């Protein structure tokens, strides 16, 4: 699975607060996870509502949920490679070959 994990207190006592999959699923029962789920369902959200693919969502989550107190990172090297390193054509091939529905 291609996921981003969001941690609270990443440097001293890491606590996982949410996971977001490339298929757009938010896992976790914390306020952070609930907030992300609510934002993804809100068509009026000025940022998240614009994303149409899970790769775009994971890039956003990784960038915006990394601020010192909270840190987001990929769950594996494969996740980072798929989201960050593949060009658009290679990514489309990967989606086709994986059989995952990454459309949000």
Protein backbone atom coordinates (compact mmCIF):
# COMPACT_ATOMS: atom_id res chain seq x y z
CA UNK A 1 0.00 0.00 0.00
CA UNK A 2 1.19 3.50 -0.80
CA UNK A 3 0.65 5.68 2.27
CA UNK A 4 1.70 8.80 4.11
CA UNK A 5 1.86 8.62 7.89
CA UNK A 6 1.32 11.72 10.02
CA UNK A 7 3.05 11.76 13.40
CA UNK A 8 2.64 14.08 16.36
CA UNK A 9 5.79 14.80 18.42
CA UNK A 10 8.00 13.26 15.71
CA UNK A 11 11.33 13.97 17.36
CA UNK A 12 10.82 12.97 20.99
CA UNK A 13 7.90 10.59 21.34
CA UNK A 14 6.37 9.87 17.90
CA UNK A 15 2.66 9.16 17.93
CA UNK A 16 0.90 8.16 14.71
CA UNK A 17 -2.22 10.30 14.28
CA UNK A 18 -3.32 9.40 10.74
CA UNK A 19 -2.50 7.50 7.58
CA UNK A 20 -3.58 8.55 4.13
CA UNK A 21 -3.54 6.09 1.23
CA UNK A 22 -3.03 6.83 -2.44
CA UNK A 23 -6.62 5.71 -2.89
CA UNK A 24 -7.78 8.62 -0.73
CA UNK A 25 -8.62 6.67 2.42
CA UNK A 26 -7.80 8.28 5.77
CA UNK A 27 -7.08 5.78 8.54
CA UNK A 28 -7.18 6.60 12.22
CA UNK A 29 -9.58 7.84 14.84
CA UNK A 30 -7.74 10.94 16.01
CA UNK A 31 -8.82 14.56 15.57
CA UNK A 32 -6.25 14.89 12.76
CA UNK A 33 -7.68 11.91 10.88
CA UNK A 34 -11.24 13.12 11.39
CA UNK A 35 -10.33 16.60 10.20
CA UNK A 36 -8.70 15.25 7.05
CA UNK A 37 -11.72 13.04 6.28
CA UNK A 38 -14.06 16.01 6.78
CA UNK A 39 -11.93 18.23 4.53
CA UNK A 40 -11.83 15.61 1.78
CA UNK A 41 -15.63 15.35 1.81
CA UNK A 42 -16.15 19.14 1.84
CA UNK A 43 -16.53 20.34 -1.74
CA UNK A 44 -16.01 23.90 -0.49
CA UNK A 45 -12.54 23.19 0.91
CA UNK A 46 -10.38 25.54 -1.15
CA UNK A 47 -7.41 23.18 -1.33
CA UNK A 48 -8.26 19.52 -0.96
CA UNK A 49 -11.39 19.73 -3.13
CA UNK A 50 -9.14 20.59 -6.09
CA UNK A 51 -7.27 17.26 -6.01
CA UNK A 52 -8.43 14.58 -8.40
CA UNK A 53 -5.78 11.92 -7.83
CA UNK A 54 -4.31 10.25 -4.76
CA UNK A 55 -0.77 11.16 -5.72
CA UNK A 56 -1.64 14.87 -5.59
CA UNK A 57 -3.31 14.34 -2.20
CA UNK A 58 -0.28 12.53 -0.74
CA UNK A 59 2.04 15.27 -1.98
CA UNK A 60 -0.16 17.86 -0.30
CA UNK A 61 -0.38 15.93 2.98
CA UNK A 62 3.38 15.37 3.08
CA UNK A 63 4.13 19.05 2.50
CA UNK A 64 1.43 20.66 4.62
CA UNK A 65 1.54 18.36 7.63
CA UNK A 66 5.26 18.79 8.26
CA UNK A 67 5.93 21.68 10.61
CA UNK A 68 8.05 20.50 13.53
CA UNK A 69 5.35 19.47 15.98
CA UNK A 70 3.69 17.30 13.34
CA UNK A 71 5.60 15.42 10.66
CA UNK A 72 4.28 13.53 7.65
CA UNK A 73 6.34 11.03 5.76
CA UNK A 74 6.02 8.09 3.44
CA UNK A 75 5.54 4.67 4.96
CA UNK A 76 8.15 3.10 2.65
CA UNK A 77 10.70 3.83 -0.04
CA UNK A 78 8.25 2.45 -2.60
CA UNK A 79 5.64 5.00 -1.51
CA UNK A 80 8.09 7.86 -1.85
CA UNK A 81 9.24 6.63 -5.26
CA UNK A 82 5.69 6.28 -6.62
CA UNK A 83 4.54 9.66 -5.34
CA UNK A 84 7.67 11.77 -5.83
CA UNK A 85 9.96 10.16 -8.38
CA UNK A 86 7.79 8.74 -11.17
CA UNK A 87 7.05 11.04 -14.08
CA UNK A 88 3.40 11.34 -15.15
CA UNK A 89 3.62 8.63 -17.80
CA UNK A 90 5.37 6.16 -15.49
CA UNK A 91 2.82 6.96 -12.77
CA UNK A 92 -0.10 6.25 -15.14
CA UNK A 93 1.56 2.93 -16.02
CA UNK A 94 2.02 2.14 -12.33
CA UNK A 95 -1.66 2.88 -11.59
CA UNK A 96 -2.77 0.67 -14.47
CA UNK A 97 -0.46 -2.18 -13.44
CA UNK A 98 -1.32 -1.93 -9.73
CA UNK A 99 -5.07 -2.04 -10.32
CA UNK A 100 -5.62 0.65 -7.67
CA UNK A 101 -8.29 3.32 -8.07
CA UNK A 102 -6.41 6.52 -7.29
CA UNK A 103 -9.13 8.86 -8.56
CA UNK A 104 -10.62 10.93 -5.76
